[in-house]
């Protein structure tokens, strides 16, 4: 079920990784043309276009997208106590981690009388997308809302697809998570029309400044289209896991972790890299055994067969080079001296160290954020954090004497660039004939 690839003796460069290793194709460019009419229609006609798109795509025709306050309260009141306790602990841990990310303003004295202060200012209003397709994801509510709240965002709007079995509202556990976090504005709308509604605003939803959160290829395409009108976090694709393991790893654990990510989506990618042929054999047998017992075989099977692989490498150093080139959304390191090996990883959305730190922990209760870069974009993109919702603003404060001390340098640089008005803007303040200027 898990295809085997032997890369012993090979150099793990970008071309090899792209041609041999698995990753679902997220053809956002093709999807852009499919969703462009929806996005443009919402931009032009507002709420009426959102309503029509939702009726056509989701089969739900509602007069308003806004979820009533009483529905949020009822969802929280009816929430299973065990789920509530788990959500509360997830929120507590996420707040601990994300509060540590909040940067203080920094004042740097560049010269006597001259300072530059970097102020961190939150985005005013954000729209947070919570998927609702194959399964409800209250954990994504936590992962989106907590960093935004810690950053100091004052206005939050959560969107999640409406579901016919729940009266045209998002799943009750998603609504309950919103209520638990104090989010009062929730809209029952998904897909490209939700992203467009957030980006351009409608009569029922005020425009936001940033859209964050994972979604399907159509959500990613809509985010690409509205980027520039609003900020976005990333174009998130199907989930993926990489596991770097040696002969010390327990094949039962490794197989379970591969299946756990394959369970998300038939387009999920699962990559196991090891120098141990015995481990790969044991994991392959264990995957077959656990697959026979798993619930979502319709997702797990295609994911493991089509976008997954067990890769044999020469040694751990070669394995590190390979997983760094693949740049997984989630990377588990289950080896001897796992912490030391993990410290050498440079490209991953999040790294999980040792046998007792599975990705499932990060999805729910590690305290880390599970909205992470996919498709190899971990080479240059970070995961969602408090910093996503903050803007650095430089505040420049110079005295007359501090300006005068560098006026001759501005003369030289402005002259070199033939920008004489730049020089003049300084010299009207500090004439060249003054001593020291």
Protein backbone atom coordinates (compact mmCIF):
# COMPACT_ATOMS: atom_id res chain seq x y z
CA UNK A 1 0.00 0.00 0.00
CA UNK A 2 2.89 2.36 0.79
CA UNK A 3 5.09 2.58 -2.35
CA UNK A 4 8.80 1.94 -1.74
CA UNK A 5 11.52 4.16 -3.22
CA UNK A 6 15.21 3.31 -2.96
CA UNK A 7 17.36 6.46 -3.04
CA UNK A 8 20.56 5.00 -1.69
CA UNK A 9 23.54 6.47 -3.47
CA UNK A 10 21.51 9.37 -4.89
CA UNK A 11 21.99 13.11 -4.34
CA UNK A 12 18.84 14.54 -2.89
CA UNK A 13 18.50 17.68 -4.96
CA UNK A 14 15.36 19.61 -5.80
CA UNK A 15 14.90 18.00 -9.20
CA UNK A 16 15.06 14.47 -7.80
CA UNK A 17 12.67 15.25 -4.98
CA UNK A 18 10.17 16.86 -7.34
CA UNK A 19 10.25 13.92 -9.74
CA UNK A 20 10.29 11.01 -7.31
CA UNK A 21 8.73 11.93 -4.00
CA UNK A 22 4.98 12.24 -3.47
CA UNK A 23 2.96 15.39 -3.10
CA UNK A 24 -0.59 16.07 -4.18
CA UNK A 25 -0.91 18.57 -7.01
CA UNK A 26 -2.68 21.69 -5.78
CA UNK A 27 -3.56 23.28 -9.10
CA UNK A 28 -4.55 26.66 -7.76
CA UNK A 29 -3.99 28.28 -11.15
CA UNK A 30 -6.68 26.12 -12.77
CA UNK A 31 -9.04 26.66 -9.86
CA UNK A 32 -8.56 30.44 -10.10
CA UNK A 33 -10.45 30.57 -13.38
CA UNK A 34 -13.26 28.47 -11.92
CA UNK A 35 -13.78 30.72 -8.90
CA UNK A 36 -13.05 34.07 -10.55
CA UNK A 37 -16.72 34.59 -11.61
CA UNK A 38 -17.89 33.92 -8.05
CA UNK A 39 -15.35 36.31 -6.55
CA UNK A 40 -16.14 39.06 -9.05
CA UNK A 41 -19.89 38.58 -8.60
CA UNK A 42 -19.58 38.96 -4.83
CA UNK A 43 -17.43 42.03 -5.32
CA UNK A 44 -20.07 43.58 -7.58
CA UNK A 45 -23.33 42.47 -5.96
CA UNK A 46 -22.48 41.69 -2.35
CA UNK A 47 -24.83 39.63 -0.20
CA UNK A 48 -27.14 38.66 -3.08
CA UNK A 49 -24.23 37.01 -4.90
CA UNK A 50 -23.12 35.20 -1.73
CA UNK A 51 -26.65 33.89 -1.23
CA UNK A 52 -26.94 32.65 -4.80
CA UNK A 53 -23.54 30.95 -4.77
CA UNK A 54 -24.32 29.24 -1.47
CA UNK A 55 -27.67 28.00 -2.74
CA UNK A 56 -26.09 26.70 -5.93
CA UNK A 57 -23.03 25.04 -4.37
CA UNK A 58 -24.18 24.03 -0.88
CA UNK A 59 -27.89 23.63 -1.54
CA UNK A 60 -28.79 26.10 1.21
CA UNK A 61 -30.75 29.30 0.63
CA UNK A 62 -30.66 31.58 3.65
CA UNK A 63 -31.60 35.23 3.92
CA UNK A 64 -28.53 36.08 5.96
CA UNK A 65 -25.08 34.61 6.47
CA UNK A 66 -24.82 35.77 10.10
CA UNK A 67 -25.24 33.04 12.71
CA UNK A 68 -27.67 34.22 15.42
CA UNK A 69 -26.24 34.78 18.89
CA UNK A 70 -28.73 32.32 20.33
CA UNK A 71 -27.40 29.58 18.03
CA UNK A 72 -23.88 30.15 19.34
CA UNK A 73 -25.10 30.05 22.94
CA UNK A 74 -27.15 26.91 22.32
CA UNK A 75 -24.21 25.13 20.68
CA UNK A 76 -22.03 25.83 23.71
CA UNK A 77 -24.75 24.80 26.16
CA UNK A 78 -25.23 21.49 24.31
CA UNK A 79 -21.52 20.74 23.90
CA UNK A 80 -20.35 17.40 25.26
CA UNK A 81 -18.58 18.17 28.60
CA UNK A 82 -15.56 16.08 27.61
CA UNK A 83 -15.19 18.01 24.33
CA UNK A 84 -15.59 21.30 26.19
CA UNK A 85 -12.89 20.36 28.68
CA UNK A 86 -10.56 19.36 25.85
CA UNK A 87 -11.19 22.61 23.98
CA UNK A 88 -10.61 24.64 27.13
CA UNK A 89 -7.27 22.92 27.71
CA UNK A 90 -6.32 23.36 24.04
CA UNK A 91 -7.10 27.08 24.32
CA UNK A 92 -5.11 27.40 27.55
CA UNK A 93 -2.02 25.78 26.08
CA UNK A 94 -2.27 27.69 22.81
CA UNK A 95 -2.48 30.98 24.73
CA UNK A 96 0.67 30.12 26.69
CA UNK A 97 2.66 29.52 23.53
CA UNK A 98 1.24 32.39 21.53
CA UNK A 99 1.56 34.97 24.32
CA UNK A 100 5.30 34.26 24.31
CA UNK A 101 5.38 35.27 20.63
CA UNK A 102 4.14 38.81 21.30
CA UNK A 103 7.08 41.13 20.63
CA UNK A 104 7.64 44.28 22.66
CA UNK A 105 8.20 47.58 20.90
CA UNK A 106 11.94 48.18 20.44
CA UNK A 107 13.58 51.62 20.69
CA UNK A 108 17.06 51.89 19.13
CA UNK A 109 19.19 55.00 19.64
CA UNK A 110 21.01 55.21 16.30
CA UNK A 111 22.92 58.35 17.28
CA UNK A 112 22.63 60.99 20.01
CA UNK A 113 19.23 62.59 19.47
CA UNK A 114 18.16 60.06 16.84
CA UNK A 115 15.95 57.03 17.54
CA UNK A 116 14.03 54.48 15.52
CA UNK A 117 11.25 52.65 17.30
CA UNK A 118 9.66 49.52 15.88
CA UNK A 119 6.03 49.43 16.98
CA UNK A 120 3.99 46.24 16.58
CA UNK A 121 0.42 47.12 15.66
CA UNK A 122 -2.35 44.53 15.20
CA UNK A 123 -4.42 44.24 12.05
CA UNK A 124 -7.74 45.96 12.74
CA UNK A 125 -10.13 43.28 11.44
CA UNK A 126 -9.56 39.71 10.27
CA UNK A 127 -11.64 37.00 8.67
CA UNK A 128 -10.87 33.47 9.84
CA UNK A 129 -11.80 30.54 7.61
CA UNK A 130 -12.71 27.26 9.33
CA UNK A 131 -13.20 24.29 6.96
CA UNK A 132 -16.30 22.14 7.26
CA UNK A 133 -16.04 19.66 4.42
CA UNK A 134 -15.02 16.11 5.30
CA UNK A 135 -15.13 16.71 9.05
CA UNK A 136 -15.83 19.55 11.51
CA UNK A 137 -12.67 21.22 12.79
CA UNK A 138 -13.20 23.06 16.10
CA UNK A 139 -9.44 22.81 16.61
CA UNK A 140 -9.00 25.15 13.62
CA UNK A 141 -11.17 27.70 15.42
CA UNK A 142 -8.70 27.61 18.30
CA UNK A 143 -5.65 27.82 16.05
CA UNK A 144 -6.99 30.82 14.13
CA UNK A 145 -8.65 32.77 16.91
CA UNK A 146 -6.11 32.48 19.74
CA UNK A 147 -3.13 34.12 17.93
CA UNK A 148 -5.40 36.84 16.55
CA UNK A 149 -6.72 37.61 20.03
CA UNK A 150 -3.24 37.54 21.58
CA UNK A 151 -2.04 39.92 18.86
CA UNK A 152 -4.77 42.35 19.90
CA UNK A 153 -7.04 42.14 16.85
CA UNK A 154 -10.23 43.90 17.91
CA UNK A 155 -12.64 42.62 15.26
CA UNK A 156 -12.91 38.96 14.27
CA UNK A 157 -15.28 37.31 11.80
CA UNK A 158 -15.28 33.51 11.53
CA UNK A 159 -16.69 31.86 8.41
CA UNK A 160 -17.49 28.16 8.08
CA UNK A 161 -19.59 26.30 5.50
CA UNK A 162 -23.30 25.80 6.19
CA UNK A 163 -24.52 22.24 6.61
CA UNK A 164 -27.99 21.01 5.70
CA UNK A 165 -28.06 18.49 8.53
CA UNK A 166 -27.61 21.35 10.97
CA UNK A 167 -30.27 23.68 9.66
CA UNK A 168 -28.00 25.58 7.31
CA UNK A 169 -25.57 26.56 10.08
CA UNK A 170 -21.96 25.45 10.54
CA UNK A 171 -21.38 22.32 12.60
CA UNK A 172 -22.47 22.86 16.25
CA UNK A 173 -19.02 21.96 17.63
CA UNK A 174 -17.49 24.73 15.48
CA UNK A 175 -20.08 27.18 16.77
CA UNK A 176 -19.42 26.04 20.34
CA UNK A 177 -15.69 26.63 19.94
CA UNK A 178 -16.42 30.15 18.68
CA UNK A 179 -18.66 30.83 21.65
CA UNK A 180 -16.06 29.43 24.06
CA UNK A 181 -13.51 31.89 22.66
CA UNK A 182 -15.90 34.82 22.83
CA UNK A 183 -16.26 35.19 19.05
CA UNK A 184 -19.60 36.85 18.41
CA UNK A 185 -19.50 37.25 14.62
CA UNK A 186 -19.81 33.95 12.76
CA UNK A 187 -21.09 33.53 9.21
CA UNK A 188 -22.53 30.37 7.68
CA UNK A 189 -20.75 30.57 4.36
CA UNK A 190 -17.85 28.69 2.82
CA UNK A 191 -15.81 28.34 -0.33
CA UNK A 192 -14.76 31.11 -2.68
CA UNK A 193 -17.86 33.16 -1.85
CA UNK A 194 -16.82 33.29 1.82
CA UNK A 195 -13.34 34.56 0.96
CA UNK A 196 -14.77 37.17 -1.42
CA UNK A 197 -17.32 38.26 1.18
CA UNK A 198 -14.57 38.83 3.72
CA UNK A 199 -12.29 40.59 1.25
CA UNK A 200 -14.82 42.98 -0.29
CA UNK A 201 -17.55 43.16 2.33
CA UNK A 202 -21.31 42.83 1.92
CA UNK A 203 -24.38 44.33 3.51
CA UNK A 204 -24.14 41.55 6.11
CA UNK A 205 -20.39 41.38 6.68
CA UNK A 206 -18.02 44.31 6.94
CA UNK A 207 -14.78 44.09 4.92
CA UNK A 208 -11.75 42.66 6.70
CA UNK A 209 -8.07 43.56 6.37
CA UNK A 210 -6.74 39.99 6.37
CA UNK A 211 -8.04 36.48 5.63
CA UNK A 212 -6.45 33.44 7.29
CA UNK A 213 -7.15 29.76 7.68
CA UNK A 214 -6.94 26.56 5.63
CA UNK A 215 -9.43 25.37 3.03
CA UNK A 216 -9.75 23.41 -0.19
CA UNK A 217 -8.25 24.33 -3.56
CA UNK A 218 -11.14 26.71 -4.31
CA UNK A 219 -10.56 28.58 -1.06
CA UNK A 220 -6.85 28.79 -1.89
CA UNK A 221 -7.68 30.09 -5.37
CA UNK A 222 -10.02 32.73 -3.98
CA UNK A 223 -7.33 33.84 -1.53
CA UNK A 224 -4.94 34.27 -4.44
CA UNK A 225 -7.49 36.42 -6.27
CA UNK A 226 -8.21 38.74 -3.33
CA UNK A 227 -4.58 39.09 -2.23
CA UNK A 228 -3.74 42.75 -2.48
CA UNK A 229 -7.27 43.83 -1.60
CA UNK A 230 -6.57 42.10 1.73
CA UNK A 231 -3.68 40.27 3.29
CA UNK A 232 -3.66 36.48 3.42
CA UNK A 233 -1.65 33.99 5.42
CA UNK A 234 -0.98 31.39 2.71
CA UNK A 235 -2.54 29.21 0.02
CA UNK A 236 -2.78 26.08 2.13
CA UNK A 237 -2.98 22.76 0.31
CA UNK A 238 -3.65 19.15 1.39
CA UNK A 239 -2.07 18.09 4.65
CA UNK A 240 1.22 16.20 4.72
CA UNK A 241 3.52 14.39 7.12
CA UNK A 242 7.17 13.48 6.85
CA UNK A 243 8.75 10.99 9.24
CA UNK A 244 12.51 10.58 9.58
CA UNK A 245 13.13 7.38 11.51
CA UNK A 246 15.86 4.87 12.21
CA UNK A 247 15.82 1.29 13.46
CA UNK A 248 14.99 2.44 17.01
CA UNK A 249 11.51 3.64 15.93
CA UNK A 250 8.46 1.58 16.81
CA UNK A 251 6.76 0.56 13.53
CA UNK A 252 3.37 0.55 15.25
CA UNK A 253 3.78 4.23 16.13
CA UNK A 254 5.10 5.16 12.69
CA UNK A 255 2.26 3.41 10.87
CA UNK A 256 -0.33 5.01 13.13
CA UNK A 257 1.08 8.46 12.45
CA UNK A 258 1.04 7.92 8.69
CA UNK A 259 -2.61 6.82 8.82
CA UNK A 260 -3.52 9.75 11.07
CA UNK A 261 -2.59 12.28 8.40
CA UNK A 262 -3.94 10.20 5.52
CA UNK A 263 -7.28 10.28 7.35
CA UNK A 264 -7.62 14.01 6.65
CA UNK A 265 -7.90 13.89 2.89
CA UNK A 266 -7.48 11.48 -0.04
CA UNK A 267 -4.98 14.07 -1.35
CA UNK A 268 -2.86 13.97 1.82
CA UNK A 269 0.84 13.13 1.41
CA UNK A 270 2.73 10.79 3.75
CA UNK A 271 6.49 10.32 3.51
CA UNK A 272 8.59 7.92 5.57
CA UNK A 273 12.38 8.23 5.26
CA UNK A 274 14.76 5.77 6.89
CA UNK A 275 18.16 4.10 6.44
CA UNK A 276 16.66 0.91 7.91
CA UNK A 277 15.18 -1.52 5.41
CA UNK A 278 13.94 -3.63 8.32
CA UNK A 279 11.95 -0.68 9.68
CA UNK A 280 10.40 0.03 6.28
CA UNK A 281 9.34 -3.61 5.99
CA UNK A 282 7.85 -3.60 9.49
CA UNK A 283 6.00 -0.33 8.90
CA UNK A 284 4.59 -1.62 5.61
CA UNK A 285 3.15 -4.68 7.36
CA UNK A 286 1.80 -2.54 10.19
CA UNK A 287 0.16 -0.08 7.77
CA UNK A 288 -1.72 -2.99 6.18
CA UNK A 289 -2.85 -4.24 9.59
CA UNK A 290 -3.99 -0.85 10.86
CA UNK A 291 -5.63 0.07 7.54
CA UNK A 292 -7.95 -2.92 7.92
CA UNK A 293 -9.13 -1.44 11.21
CA UNK A 294 -9.38 2.23 10.31
CA UNK A 295 -12.68 4.03 9.76
CA UNK A 296 -12.03 6.36 6.84
CA UNK A 297 -10.65 3.90 4.29
CA UNK A 298 -12.09 6.04 1.47
CA UNK A 299 -9.58 8.77 2.35
CA UNK A 300 -6.69 6.78 3.79
CA UNK A 301 -6.38 4.31 0.91
CA UNK A 302 -6.03 6.85 -1.94
CA UNK A 303 -3.68 9.01 0.12
CA UNK A 304 -1.30 6.17 0.94
CA UNK A 305 -1.35 4.69 -2.56
CA UNK A 306 -1.14 7.88 -4.60
CA UNK A 307 0.80 10.57 -2.72
CA UNK A 308 2.85 8.60 -0.23
CA UNK A 309 6.11 6.67 -0.11
CA UNK A 310 8.57 4.85 2.10
CA UNK A 311 12.07 5.95 1.10
CA UNK A 312 15.26 4.05 1.80
CA UNK A 313 18.37 6.25 2.21
CA UNK A 314 22.02 5.64 3.04
CA UNK A 315 22.03 7.18 6.52
CA UNK A 316 20.41 9.80 8.73
CA UNK A 317 22.44 12.60 7.15
CA UNK A 318 21.03 11.65 3.75
CA UNK A 319 17.58 11.44 5.30
CA UNK A 320 17.93 14.93 6.73
CA UNK A 321 18.94 16.30 3.33
CA UNK A 322 15.91 14.62 1.80
CA UNK A 323 13.30 15.83 4.29
CA UNK A 324 14.77 19.33 4.20
CA UNK A 325 14.33 19.37 0.43
CA UNK A 326 10.76 18.01 0.69
CA UNK A 327 9.96 20.62 3.40
CA UNK A 328 7.03 18.91 5.09
CA UNK A 329 4.14 20.64 6.77
CA UNK A 330 4.65 18.25 9.73
CA UNK A 331 7.94 16.44 10.30
CA UNK A 332 8.43 13.77 12.95
CA UNK A 333 11.97 12.81 13.97
CA UNK A 334 12.03 9.39 15.63
CA UNK A 335 15.71 8.46 15.86
CA UNK A 336 18.52 8.06 18.34
CA UNK A 337 19.32 11.49 19.78
CA UNK A 338 16.10 12.76 18.21
CA UNK A 339 16.41 16.25 19.70
CA UNK A 340 19.89 16.70 18.22
CA UNK A 341 18.74 15.43 14.82
CA UNK A 342 15.64 17.64 14.92
CA UNK A 343 17.78 20.68 15.70
CA UNK A 344 19.44 20.23 12.30
CA UNK A 345 16.14 20.47 10.39
CA UNK A 346 15.80 23.78 8.54
CA UNK A 347 12.68 23.29 6.39
CA UNK A 348 9.45 22.19 8.07
CA UNK A 349 6.23 23.79 9.21
CA UNK A 350 6.57 22.12 12.61
CA UNK A 351 8.96 19.48 13.97
CA UNK A 352 7.84 16.73 16.38
CA UNK A 353 10.66 15.19 18.40
CA UNK A 354 10.81 11.58 19.52
CA UNK A 355 8.20 8.83 19.89
CA UNK A 356 5.99 10.72 22.33
CA UNK A 357 5.36 13.84 20.22
CA UNK A 358 3.03 12.69 17.41
CA UNK A 359 1.48 15.13 14.96
CA UNK A 360 -1.92 14.41 16.55
CA UNK A 361 -0.63 16.13 19.69
CA UNK A 362 0.20 19.22 17.64
CA UNK A 363 -3.20 19.15 15.97
CA UNK A 364 -4.94 19.55 19.29
CA UNK A 365 -3.04 20.10 22.51
CA UNK A 366 0.71 20.67 22.15
CA UNK A 367 0.18 24.44 22.34
CA UNK A 368 1.76 24.91 18.92
CA UNK A 369 -0.25 26.13 15.93
CA UNK A 370 -1.49 23.60 13.39
CA UNK A 371 -2.11 26.07 10.55
CA UNK A 372 1.15 25.37 8.73
CA UNK A 373 2.75 25.80 5.27
CA UNK A 374 2.17 22.96 2.80
CA UNK A 375 3.42 21.94 -0.64
CA UNK A 376 7.08 22.67 0.11
CA UNK A 377 6.39 26.30 1.03
CA UNK A 378 7.89 25.66 4.47
CA UNK A 379 11.16 26.63 2.76
CA UNK A 380 10.04 30.25 2.94
CA UNK A 381 6.70 30.49 4.78
CA UNK A 382 6.08 30.19 8.53
CA UNK A 383 2.99 28.78 10.16
CA UNK A 384 0.21 30.91 11.59
CA UNK A 385 1.34 32.86 14.66
CA UNK A 386 0.79 36.07 16.56
CA UNK A 387 3.16 37.75 14.10
CA UNK A 388 0.75 36.95 11.26
CA UNK A 389 -1.63 39.49 12.74
CA UNK A 390 0.92 42.19 13.59
CA UNK A 391 2.50 44.90 11.46
CA UNK A 392 5.84 46.44 12.27
CA UNK A 393 5.83 50.24 11.96
CA UNK A 394 9.08 52.19 12.19
CA UNK A 395 8.79 55.47 14.09
CA UNK A 396 11.69 57.83 13.29
CA UNK A 397 12.41 60.62 15.81
CA UNK A 398 15.50 62.83 15.19
CA UNK A 399 16.48 66.12 16.76
CA UNK A 400 17.76 69.03 14.65
CA UNK A 401 21.33 68.34 15.71
CA UNK A 402 21.01 64.64 14.83
CA UNK A 403 19.70 65.55 11.37
CA UNK A 404 22.47 68.09 10.88
CA UNK A 405 25.09 65.47 11.73
CA UNK A 406 24.12 63.35 8.69
CA UNK A 407 23.06 66.08 6.27
CA UNK A 408 26.31 65.84 4.30
CA UNK A 409 25.73 62.09 3.82
CA UNK A 410 22.24 62.82 2.46
CA UNK A 411 23.85 65.37 0.11
CA UNK A 412 26.11 62.63 -1.21
CA UNK A 413 23.50 59.87 -1.53
CA UNK A 414 20.79 62.13 -2.93
CA UNK A 415 23.25 63.48 -5.46
CA UNK A 416 24.36 59.98 -6.46
CA UNK A 417 20.73 59.07 -7.16
CA UNK A 418 19.98 62.42 -8.85
CA UNK A 419 17.17 63.05 -6.36
CA UNK A 420 17.91 66.70 -5.66
CA UNK A 421 14.57 67.38 -4.00
CA UNK A 422 15.48 64.83 -1.37
CA UNK A 423 18.59 66.84 -0.58
CA UNK A 424 16.66 70.10 -0.60
CA UNK A 425 14.11 68.73 1.91
CA UNK A 426 16.97 68.35 4.38
CA UNK A 427 18.79 71.56 3.50
CA UNK A 428 15.76 73.77 4.05
CA UNK A 429 16.00 72.58 7.65
CA UNK A 430 19.78 72.52 8.00
CA UNK A 431 21.48 74.99 5.64
CA UNK A 432 24.82 73.82 4.28
CA UNK A 433 26.63 76.95 5.45
CA UNK A 434 26.04 76.08 9.11
CA UNK A 435 29.11 74.80 10.87
CA UNK A 436 29.19 71.03 11.16
CA UNK A 437 26.50 70.57 8.53
